[in-house]
Structures are given as C-alpha cells and as structure tokens.
Amino acid sequence: STDDVAWFAHIGGLLAGAVLVLPLKSSDAPLFDRSPPQA
C-alpha cells in the first residue's frame, strides 16, 4: 500500500466513464463504431 499512484482512482474512473457514456453520448454516435474516420 506504499505506492504513490492512486490506482483505484484510475479503475473507478474507467468504470464511471464506461457507464456514463451510454446515456450521455449523442444518438448518432454509435458504440463500437466501425466506420472509417471522416471529418
């Protein structure tokens, strides 16, 4: 427990981001987008 890096803050952020993006993303922003990038 002597590590200076708050690893569980990273894990918590990852989980929070994965959950929150679902209701907050635009309706035309698909998950797992396979289309080629186009500006």
PDB file of all heavy atoms in Angstrom:
ATOM      1  N   SER A   1       0.824  -1.209   0.000  1.00  0.00           N
ATOM      2  CA  SER A   1       0.000   0.000   0.000  1.00  0.00           C
ATOM      3  C   SER A   1       0.857   1.257   0.000  1.00  0.00           C
ATOM      4  O   SER A   1       0.368   2.351   0.290  1.00  0.00           O
ATOM      5  CB  SER A   1      -0.911   0.006   1.232  1.00  0.00           C
ATOM      6  OG  SER A   1      -0.133  -0.030   2.425  1.00  0.00           O
ATOM      7  N   THR A   2       2.144   1.119  -0.317  1.00  0.00           N
ATOM      8  CA  THR A   2       3.065   2.256  -0.260  1.00  0.00           C
ATOM      9  C   THR A   2       3.228   2.953  -1.606  1.00  0.00           C
ATOM     10  O   THR A   2       3.971   3.923  -1.716  1.00  0.00           O
ATOM     11  CB  THR A   2       4.447   1.790   0.229  1.00  0.00           C
ATOM     12  OG1 THR A   2       4.960   0.790  -0.667  1.00  0.00           O
ATOM     13  CG2 THR A   2       4.363   1.203   1.629  1.00  0.00           C
ATOM     14  N   ASP A   3       2.537   2.473  -2.640  1.00  0.00           N
ATOM     15  CA  ASP A   3       2.637   3.078  -3.972  1.00  0.00           C
ATOM     16  C   ASP A   3       2.027   4.480  -3.954  1.00  0.00           C
ATOM     17  O   ASP A   3       0.965   4.694  -3.392  1.00  0.00           O
ATOM     18  CB  ASP A   3       1.904   2.207  -4.996  1.00  0.00           C
ATOM     19  CG  ASP A   3       2.341   2.508  -6.419  1.00  0.00           C
ATOM     20  OD1 ASP A   3       2.651   3.677  -6.702  1.00  0.00           O
ATOM     21  OD2 ASP A   3       2.374   1.567  -7.246  1.00  0.00           O
ATOM     22  N   ASP A   4       2.716   5.442  -4.591  1.00  0.00           N
ATOM     23  CA  ASP A   4       2.223   6.815  -4.633  1.00  0.00           C
ATOM     24  C   ASP A   4       1.108   7.008  -5.652  1.00  0.00           C
ATOM     25  O   ASP A   4       0.445   8.046  -5.653  1.00  0.00           O
ATOM     26  CB  ASP A   4       3.370   7.781  -4.965  1.00  0.00           C
ATOM     27  CG  ASP A   4       4.375   7.905  -3.824  1.00  0.00           C
ATOM     28  OD1 ASP A   4       3.982   7.666  -2.670  1.00  0.00           O
ATOM     29  OD2 ASP A   4       5.545   8.237  -4.098  1.00  0.00           O
ATOM     30  N   VAL A   5       0.907   6.052  -6.547  1.00  0.00           N
ATOM     31  CA  VAL A   5      -0.118   6.167  -7.577  1.00  0.00           C
ATOM     32  C   VAL A   5      -1.453   5.646  -7.045  1.00  0.00           C
ATOM     33  O   VAL A   5      -1.519   4.546  -6.491  1.00  0.00           O
ATOM     34  CB  VAL A   5       0.288   5.395  -8.854  1.00  0.00           C
ATOM     35  CG1 VAL A   5      -0.811   5.514  -9.917  1.00  0.00           C
ATOM     36  CG2 VAL A   5       1.616   5.903  -9.396  1.00  0.00           C
ATOM     37  N   ALA A   6      -2.503   6.436  -7.230  1.00  0.00           N
ATOM     38  CA  ALA A   6      -3.834   6.032  -6.767  1.00  0.00           C
ATOM     39  C   ALA A   6      -4.489   5.179  -7.847  1.00  0.00           C
ATOM     40  O   ALA A   6      -5.341   5.645  -8.608  1.00  0.00           O
ATOM     41  CB  ALA A   6      -4.675   7.263  -6.454  1.00  0.00           C
ATOM     42  N   TRP A   7      -4.101   3.913  -7.909  1.00  0.00           N
ATOM     43  CA  TRP A   7      -4.568   3.035  -8.985  1.00  0.00           C
ATOM     44  C   TRP A   7      -6.074   2.860  -8.976  1.00  0.00           C
ATOM     45  O   TRP A   7      -6.706   2.754 -10.030  1.00  0.00           O
ATOM     46  CB  TRP A   7      -3.868   1.679  -8.885  1.00  0.00           C
ATOM     47  CG  TRP A   7      -2.386   1.757  -9.027  1.00  0.00           C
ATOM     48  CD1 TRP A   7      -1.451   1.629  -8.043  1.00  0.00           C
ATOM     49  CD2 TRP A   7      -1.653   1.994 -10.241  1.00  0.00           C
ATOM     50  NE1 TRP A   7      -0.193   1.782  -8.551  1.00  0.00           N
ATOM     51  CE2 TRP A   7      -0.282   2.001  -9.897  1.00  0.00           C
ATOM     52  CE3 TRP A   7      -2.022   2.210 -11.571  1.00  0.00           C
ATOM     53  CZ2 TRP A   7       0.717   2.203 -10.849  1.00  0.00           C
ATOM     54  CZ3 TRP A   7      -1.039   2.422 -12.515  1.00  0.00           C
ATOM     55  CH2 TRP A   7       0.317   2.414 -12.154  1.00  0.00           C
ATOM     56  N   PHE A   8      -6.677   2.822  -7.789  1.00  0.00           N
ATOM     57  CA  PHE A   8      -8.122   2.608  -7.736  1.00  0.00           C
ATOM     58  C   PHE A   8      -8.903   3.841  -8.182  1.00  0.00           C
ATOM     59  O   PHE A   8     -10.075   3.733  -8.544  1.00  0.00           O
ATOM     60  CB  PHE A   8      -8.556   2.158  -6.344  1.00  0.00           C
ATOM     61  CG  PHE A   8      -8.403   0.673  -6.148  1.00  0.00           C
ATOM     62  CD1 PHE A   8      -7.276   0.149  -5.532  1.00  0.00           C
ATOM     63  CD2 PHE A   8      -9.378  -0.202  -6.606  1.00  0.00           C
ATOM     64  CE1 PHE A   8      -7.122  -1.223  -5.383  1.00  0.00           C
ATOM     65  CE2 PHE A   8      -9.238  -1.572  -6.461  1.00  0.00           C
ATOM     66  CZ  PHE A   8      -8.102  -2.086  -5.848  1.00  0.00           C
ATOM     67  N   ALA A   9      -8.285   4.998  -8.176  1.00  0.00           N
ATOM     68  CA  ALA A   9      -8.919   6.166  -8.794  1.00  0.00           C
ATOM     69  C   ALA A   9      -9.003   5.950 -10.301  1.00  0.00           C
ATOM     70  O   ALA A   9     -10.003   6.302 -10.939  1.00  0.00           O
ATOM     71  CB  ALA A   9      -8.136   7.430  -8.473  1.00  0.00           C
ATOM     72  N   HIS A  10      -7.966   5.351 -10.884  1.00  0.00           N
ATOM     73  CA  HIS A  10      -7.980   5.047 -12.319  1.00  0.00           C
ATOM     74  C   HIS A  10      -9.069   4.026 -12.639  1.00  0.00           C
ATOM     75  O   HIS A  10      -9.820   4.178 -13.605  1.00  0.00           O
ATOM     76  CB  HIS A  10      -6.618   4.507 -12.760  1.00  0.00           C
ATOM     77  CG  HIS A  10      -5.489   5.454 -12.534  1.00  0.00           C
ATOM     78  ND1 HIS A  10      -4.186   5.171 -12.897  1.00  0.00           N
ATOM     79  CD2 HIS A  10      -5.447   6.701 -11.988  1.00  0.00           C
ATOM     80  CE1 HIS A  10      -3.412   6.177 -12.580  1.00  0.00           C
ATOM     81  NE2 HIS A  10      -4.149   7.116 -12.015  1.00  0.00           N
ATOM     82  N   ILE A  11      -9.158   2.987 -11.819  1.00  0.00           N
ATOM     83  CA  ILE A  11     -10.170   1.955 -12.053  1.00  0.00           C
ATOM     84  C   ILE A  11     -11.570   2.546 -11.890  1.00  0.00           C
ATOM     85  O   ILE A  11     -12.473   2.279 -12.692  1.00  0.00           O
ATOM     86  CB  ILE A  11      -9.969   0.774 -11.086  1.00  0.00           C
ATOM     87  CG1 ILE A  11      -8.587   0.129 -11.302  1.00  0.00           C
ATOM     88  CG2 ILE A  11     -11.076  -0.259 -11.270  1.00  0.00           C
ATOM     89  CD1 ILE A  11      -8.356  -0.395 -12.698  1.00  0.00           C
ATOM     90  N   GLY A  12     -11.753   3.350 -10.863  1.00  0.00           N
ATOM     91  CA  GLY A  12     -13.049   3.991 -10.670  1.00  0.00           C
ATOM     92  C   GLY A  12     -13.416   4.900 -11.828  1.00  0.00           C
ATOM     93  O   GLY A  12     -14.569   4.946 -12.264  1.00  0.00           O
ATOM     94  N   GLY A  13     -12.426   5.632 -12.347  1.00  0.00           N
ATOM     95  CA  GLY A  13     -12.671   6.493 -13.494  1.00  0.00           C
ATOM     96  C   GLY A  13     -13.042   5.699 -14.731  1.00  0.00           C
ATOM     97  O   GLY A  13     -13.937   6.090 -15.492  1.00  0.00           O
ATOM     98  N   LEU A  14     -12.358   4.591 -14.956  1.00  0.00           N
ATOM     99  CA  LEU A  14     -12.675   3.736 -16.099  1.00  0.00           C
ATOM    100  C   LEU A  14     -14.110   3.232 -16.026  1.00  0.00           C
ATOM    101  O   LEU A  14     -14.854   3.270 -17.019  1.00  0.00           O
ATOM    102  CB  LEU A  14     -11.704   2.550 -16.148  1.00  0.00           C
ATOM    103  CG  LEU A  14     -10.279   2.843 -16.624  1.00  0.00           C
ATOM    104  CD1 LEU A  14      -9.353   1.679 -16.291  1.00  0.00           C
ATOM    105  CD2 LEU A  14     -10.272   3.112 -18.132  1.00  0.00           C
ATOM    106  N   LEU A  15     -14.517   2.740 -14.874  1.00  0.00           N
ATOM    107  CA  LEU A  15     -15.877   2.225 -14.715  1.00  0.00           C
ATOM    108  C   LEU A  15     -16.906   3.342 -14.863  1.00  0.00           C
ATOM    109  O   LEU A  15     -17.943   3.164 -15.511  1.00  0.00           O
ATOM    110  CB  LEU A  15     -16.018   1.543 -13.354  1.00  0.00           C
ATOM    111  CG  LEU A  15     -15.192   0.262 -13.158  1.00  0.00           C
ATOM    112  CD1 LEU A  15     -15.320  -0.234 -11.720  1.00  0.00           C
ATOM    113  CD2 LEU A  15     -15.637  -0.816 -14.139  1.00  0.00           C
ATOM    114  N   ALA A  16     -16.598   4.496 -14.268  1.00  0.00           N
ATOM    115  CA  ALA A  16     -17.527   5.623 -14.370  1.00  0.00           C
ATOM    116  C   ALA A  16     -17.699   6.064 -15.816  1.00  0.00           C
ATOM    117  O   ALA A  16     -18.818   6.305 -16.284  1.00  0.00           O
ATOM    118  CB  ALA A  16     -17.024   6.790 -13.515  1.00  0.00           C
ATOM    119  N   GLY A  17     -16.592   6.168 -16.537  1.00  0.00           N
ATOM    120  CA  GLY A  17     -16.663   6.578 -17.929  1.00  0.00           C
ATOM    121  C   GLY A  17     -17.417   5.594 -18.791  1.00  0.00           C
ATOM    122  O   GLY A  17     -18.214   5.985 -19.660  1.00  0.00           O
ATOM    123  N   ALA A  18     -17.185   4.294 -18.553  1.00  0.00           N
ATOM    124  CA  ALA A  18     -17.861   3.262 -19.347  1.00  0.00           C
ATOM    125  C   ALA A  18     -19.366   3.276 -19.126  1.00  0.00           C
ATOM    126  O   ALA A  18     -20.144   2.994 -20.046  1.00  0.00           O
ATOM    127  CB  ALA A  18     -17.289   1.892 -18.996  1.00  0.00           C
ATOM    128  N   VAL A  19     -19.795   3.624 -17.919  1.00  0.00           N
ATOM    129  CA  VAL A  19     -21.232   3.652 -17.618  1.00  0.00           C
ATOM    130  C   VAL A  19     -21.863   4.966 -18.084  1.00  0.00           C
ATOM    131  O   VAL A  19     -22.911   4.985 -18.732  1.00  0.00           O
ATOM    132  CB  VAL A  19     -21.468   3.448 -16.105  1.00  0.00           C
ATOM    133  CG1 VAL A  19     -22.936   3.682 -15.755  1.00  0.00           C
ATOM    134  CG2 VAL A  19     -21.042   2.044 -15.692  1.00  0.00           C
ATOM    135  N   LEU A  20     -21.220   6.088 -17.776  1.00  0.00           N
ATOM    136  CA  LEU A  20     -21.819   7.387 -18.063  1.00  0.00           C
ATOM    137  C   LEU A  20     -21.908   7.694 -19.553  1.00  0.00           C
ATOM    138  O   LEU A  20     -22.793   8.433 -19.981  1.00  0.00           O
ATOM    139  CB  LEU A  20     -21.014   8.486 -17.360  1.00  0.00           C
ATOM    140  CG  LEU A  20     -21.137   8.550 -15.843  1.00  0.00           C
ATOM    141  CD1 LEU A  20     -20.183   9.583 -15.275  1.00  0.00           C
ATOM    142  CD2 LEU A  20     -22.568   8.865 -15.428  1.00  0.00           C
ATOM    143  N   VAL A  21     -20.978   7.149 -20.334  1.00  0.00           N
ATOM    144  CA  VAL A  21     -21.011   7.456 -21.765  1.00  0.00           C
ATOM    145  C   VAL A  21     -22.280   6.921 -22.432  1.00  0.00           C
ATOM    146  O   VAL A  21     -22.749   7.481 -23.432  1.00  0.00           O
ATOM    147  CB  VAL A  21     -19.751   6.895 -22.469  1.00  0.00           C
ATOM    148  CG1 VAL A  21     -19.803   5.379 -22.557  1.00  0.00           C
ATOM    149  CG2 VAL A  21     -19.596   7.504 -23.861  1.00  0.00           C
ATOM    150  N   LEU A  22     -22.872   5.888 -21.883  1.00  0.00           N
ATOM    151  CA  LEU A  22     -24.041   5.268 -22.510  1.00  0.00           C
ATOM    152  C   LEU A  22     -25.239   6.217 -22.588  1.00  0.00           C
ATOM    153  O   LEU A  22     -25.825   6.394 -23.658  1.00  0.00           O
ATOM    154  CB  LEU A  22     -24.402   3.969 -21.784  1.00  0.00           C
ATOM    155  CG  LEU A  22     -23.289   2.912 -21.736  1.00  0.00           C
ATOM    156  CD1 LEU A  22     -23.765   1.688 -20.954  1.00  0.00           C
ATOM    157  CD2 LEU A  22     -22.860   2.516 -23.141  1.00  0.00           C
ATOM    158  N   PRO A  23     -25.641   6.858 -21.483  1.00  0.00           N
ATOM    159  CA  PRO A  23     -26.776   7.780 -21.600  1.00  0.00           C
ATOM    160  C   PRO A  23     -26.407   9.162 -22.132  1.00  0.00           C
ATOM    161  O   PRO A  23     -27.292   9.901 -22.571  1.00  0.00           O
ATOM    162  CB  PRO A  23     -27.286   7.890 -20.157  1.00  0.00           C
ATOM    163  CG  PRO A  23     -26.074   7.655 -19.320  1.00  0.00           C
ATOM    164  CD  PRO A  23     -25.257   6.639 -20.062  1.00  0.00           C
ATOM    165  N   LEU A  24     -25.117   9.529 -22.080  1.00  0.00           N
ATOM    166  CA  LEU A  24     -24.735  10.891 -22.433  1.00  0.00           C
ATOM    167  C   LEU A  24     -24.319  11.068 -23.891  1.00  0.00           C
ATOM    168  O   LEU A  24     -24.319  12.185 -24.404  1.00  0.00           O
ATOM    169  CB  LEU A  24     -23.581  11.361 -21.524  1.00  0.00           C
ATOM    170  CG  LEU A  24     -23.927  11.548 -20.046  1.00  0.00           C
ATOM    171  CD1 LEU A  24     -22.680  11.944 -19.253  1.00  0.00           C
ATOM    172  CD2 LEU A  24     -25.014  12.599 -19.875  1.00  0.00           C
ATOM    173  N   LYS A  25     -23.946  10.004 -24.565  1.00  0.00           N
ATOM    174  CA  LYS A  25     -23.482  10.137 -25.952  1.00  0.00           C
ATOM    175  C   LYS A  25     -24.627  10.578 -26.859  1.00  0.00           C
ATOM    176  O   LYS A  25     -25.806  10.325 -26.585  1.00  0.00           O
ATOM    177  CB  LYS A  25     -22.901   8.820 -26.446  1.00  0.00           C
ATOM    178  CG  LYS A  25     -23.914   7.715 -26.678  1.00  0.00           C
ATOM    179  CD  LYS A  25     -23.265   6.451 -27.184  1.00  0.00           C
ATOM    180  CE  LYS A  25     -24.299   5.373 -27.495  1.00  0.00           C
ATOM    181  NZ  LYS A  25     -25.160   5.742 -28.636  1.00  0.00           N
ATOM    182  N   SER A  26     -24.268  11.245 -27.958  1.00  0.00           N
ATOM    183  CA  SER A  26     -25.270  11.654 -28.939  1.00  0.00           C
ATOM    184  C   SER A  26     -25.913  10.428 -29.578  1.00  0.00           C
ATOM    185  O   SER A  26     -25.284   9.372 -29.691  1.00  0.00           O
ATOM    186  CB  SER A  26     -24.628  12.522 -30.014  1.00  0.00           C
ATOM    187  OG  SER A  26     -24.060  13.694 -29.451  1.00  0.00           O
ATOM    188  N   SER A  27     -27.145  10.574 -30.017  1.00  0.00           N
ATOM    189  CA  SER A  27     -27.870   9.445 -30.595  1.00  0.00           C
ATOM    190  C   SER A  27     -27.215   8.935 -31.878  1.00  0.00           C
ATOM    191  O   SER A  27     -27.370   7.763 -32.226  1.00  0.00           O
ATOM    192  CB  SER A  27     -29.320   9.848 -30.878  1.00  0.00           C
ATOM    193  OG  SER A  27     -29.367  10.958 -31.767  1.00  0.00           O
ATOM    194  N   ASP A  28     -26.473   9.819 -32.566  1.00  0.00           N
ATOM    195  CA  ASP A  28     -25.817   9.397 -33.807  1.00  0.00           C
ATOM    196  C   ASP A  28     -24.361   9.017 -33.598  1.00  0.00           C
ATOM    197  O   ASP A  28     -23.592   8.929 -34.556  1.00  0.00           O
ATOM    198  CB  ASP A  28     -25.912  10.494 -34.868  1.00  0.00           C
ATOM    199  CG  ASP A  28     -25.210  11.777 -34.441  1.00  0.00           C
ATOM    200  OD1 ASP A  28     -24.994  11.951 -33.223  1.00  0.00           O
ATOM    201  OD2 ASP A  28     -24.891  12.601 -35.323  1.00  0.00           O
ATOM    202  N   ALA A  29     -23.977   8.790 -32.343  1.00  0.00           N
ATOM    203  CA  ALA A  29     -22.619   8.335 -32.022  1.00  0.00           C
ATOM    204  C   ALA A  29     -22.703   6.870 -31.586  1.00  0.00           C
ATOM    205  O   ALA A  29     -22.946   6.582 -30.416  1.00  0.00           O
ATOM    206  CB  ALA A  29     -22.000   9.189 -30.921  1.00  0.00           C
ATOM    207  N   PRO A  30     -22.519   5.931 -32.498  1.00  0.00           N
ATOM    208  CA  PRO A  30     -22.705   4.519 -32.157  1.00  0.00           C
ATOM    209  C   PRO A  30     -21.572   3.968 -31.295  1.00  0.00           C
ATOM    210  O   PRO A  30     -20.419   4.427 -31.390  1.00  0.00           O
ATOM    211  CB  PRO A  30     -22.728   3.834 -33.524  1.00  0.00           C
ATOM    212  CG  PRO A  30     -21.880   4.710 -34.385  1.00  0.00           C
ATOM    213  CD  PRO A  30     -22.133   6.119 -33.913  1.00  0.00           C
ATOM    214  N   LEU A  31     -21.896   3.022 -30.455  1.00  0.00           N
ATOM    215  CA  LEU A  31     -20.864   2.284 -29.747  1.00  0.00           C
ATOM    216  C   LEU A  31     -20.129   1.372 -30.729  1.00  0.00           C
ATOM    217  O   LEU A  31     -20.712   0.892 -31.701  1.00  0.00           O
ATOM    218  CB  LEU A  31     -21.479   1.446 -28.622  1.00  0.00           C
ATOM    219  CG  LEU A  31     -22.063   2.194 -27.430  1.00  0.00           C
ATOM    220  CD1 LEU A  31     -22.717   1.211 -26.476  1.00  0.00           C
ATOM    221  CD2 LEU A  31     -21.006   3.010 -26.705  1.00  0.00           C
ATOM    222  N   PHE A  32     -18.849   1.141 -30.459  1.00  0.00           N
ATOM    223  CA  PHE A  32     -18.031   0.232 -31.279  1.00  0.00           C
ATOM    224  C   PHE A  32     -18.097   0.616 -32.755  1.00  0.00           C
ATOM    225  O   PHE A  32     -18.301  -0.237 -33.628  1.00  0.00           O
ATOM    226  CB  PHE A  32     -18.465  -1.224 -31.072  1.00  0.00           C
ATOM    227  CG  PHE A  32     -18.645  -1.593 -29.631  1.00  0.00           C
ATOM    228  CD1 PHE A  32     -19.898  -1.916 -29.128  1.00  0.00           C
ATOM    229  CD2 PHE A  32     -17.564  -1.596 -28.769  1.00  0.00           C
ATOM    230  CE1 PHE A  32     -20.068  -2.252 -27.786  1.00  0.00           C
ATOM    231  CE2 PHE A  32     -17.724  -1.928 -27.419  1.00  0.00           C
ATOM    232  CZ  PHE A  32     -18.964  -2.259 -26.936  1.00  0.00           C
ATOM    233  N   ASP A  33     -17.951   1.898 -33.029  1.00  0.00           N
ATOM    234  CA  ASP A  33     -18.060   2.415 -34.393  1.00  0.00           C
ATOM    235  C   ASP A  33     -17.036   1.755 -35.310  1.00  0.00           C
ATOM    236  O   ASP A  33     -15.845   1.726 -35.005  1.00  0.00           O
ATOM    237  CB  ASP A  33     -17.841   3.932 -34.374  1.00  0.00           C
ATOM    238  CG  ASP A  33     -18.128   4.579 -35.712  1.00  0.00           C
ATOM    239  OD1 ASP A  33     -18.717   3.906 -36.578  1.00  0.00           O
ATOM    240  OD2 ASP A  33     -17.764   5.752 -35.878  1.00  0.00           O
ATOM    241  N   ARG A  34     -17.501   1.237 -36.414  1.00  0.00           N
ATOM    242  CA  ARG A  34     -16.628   0.575 -37.382  1.00  0.00           C
ATOM    243  C   ARG A  34     -16.449   1.384 -38.662  1.00  0.00           C
ATOM    244  O   ARG A  34     -15.718   0.973 -39.555  1.00  0.00           O
ATOM    245  CB  ARG A  34     -17.174  -0.814 -37.743  1.00  0.00           C
ATOM    246  CG  ARG A  34     -17.135  -1.797 -36.580  1.00  0.00           C
ATOM    247  CD  ARG A  34     -17.647  -3.166 -36.998  1.00  0.00           C
ATOM    248  NE  ARG A  34     -17.504  -4.125 -35.915  1.00  0.00           N
ATOM    249  CZ  ARG A  34     -16.411  -4.843 -35.682  1.00  0.00           C
ATOM    250  NH1 ARG A  34     -15.358  -4.700 -36.466  1.00  0.00           N
ATOM    251  NH2 ARG A  34     -16.358  -5.698 -34.682  1.00  0.00           N
ATOM    252  N   SER A  35     -17.118   2.519 -38.746  1.00  0.00           N
ATOM    253  CA  SER A  35     -16.996   3.316 -39.963  1.00  0.00           C
ATOM    254  C   SER A  35     -15.643   4.000 -40.001  1.00  0.00           C
ATOM    255  O   SER A  35     -15.082   4.352 -38.966  1.00  0.00           O
ATOM    256  CB  SER A  35     -18.103   4.366 -40.019  1.00  0.00           C
ATOM    257  OG  SER A  35     -18.009   5.241 -38.904  1.00  0.00           O
ATOM    258  N   PRO A  36     -15.070   4.216 -41.200  1.00  0.00           N
ATOM    259  CA  PRO A  36     -13.773   4.879 -41.292  1.00  0.00           C
ATOM    260  C   PRO A  36     -13.884   6.324 -40.853  1.00  0.00           C
ATOM    261  O   PRO A  36     -14.912   6.968 -41.056  1.00  0.00           O
ATOM    262  CB  PRO A  36     -13.426   4.787 -42.783  1.00  0.00           C
ATOM    263  CG  PRO A  36     -14.743   4.633 -43.455  1.00  0.00           C
ATOM    264  CD  PRO A  36     -15.613   3.848 -42.504  1.00  0.00           C
ATOM    265  N   PRO A  37     -12.842   6.875 -40.199  1.00  0.00           N
ATOM    266  CA  PRO A  37     -12.891   8.269 -39.762  1.00  0.00           C
ATOM    267  C   PRO A  37     -13.132   9.196 -40.938  1.00  0.00           C
ATOM    268  O   PRO A  37     -12.528   9.068 -41.990  1.00  0.00           O
ATOM    269  CB  PRO A  37     -11.498   8.495 -39.149  1.00  0.00           C
ATOM    270  CG  PRO A  37     -10.999   7.147 -38.792  1.00  0.00           C
ATOM    271  CD  PRO A  37     -11.571   6.224 -39.841  1.00  0.00           C
ATOM    272  N   GLN A  38     -14.055  10.139 -40.758  1.00  0.00           N
ATOM    273  CA  GLN A  38     -14.361  11.113 -41.802  1.00  0.00           C
ATOM    274  C   GLN A  38     -14.719  12.422 -41.132  1.00  0.00           C
ATOM    275  O   GLN A  38     -15.580  12.468 -40.260  1.00  0.00           O
ATOM    276  CB  GLN A  38     -15.521  10.633 -42.669  1.00  0.00           C
ATOM    277  CG  GLN A  38     -15.883  11.592 -43.809  1.00  0.00           C
ATOM    278  CD  GLN A  38     -16.968  11.018 -44.691  1.00  0.00           C
ATOM    279  OE1 GLN A  38     -17.193   9.815 -44.705  1.00  0.00           O
ATOM    280  NE2 GLN A  38     -17.637  11.876 -45.420  1.00  0.00           N
ATOM    281  N   ALA A  39     -14.056  13.465 -41.514  1.00  0.00           N
ATOM    282  CA  ALA A  39     -14.268  14.754 -40.871  1.00  0.00           C
ATOM    283  C   ALA A  39     -15.642  15.311 -41.195  1.00  0.00           C
ATOM    284  O   ALA A  39     -16.229  15.014 -42.230  1.00  0.00           O
ATOM    285  CB  ALA A  39     -13.196  15.748 -41.329  1.00  0.00           C
TER     286      ALA A  39
END
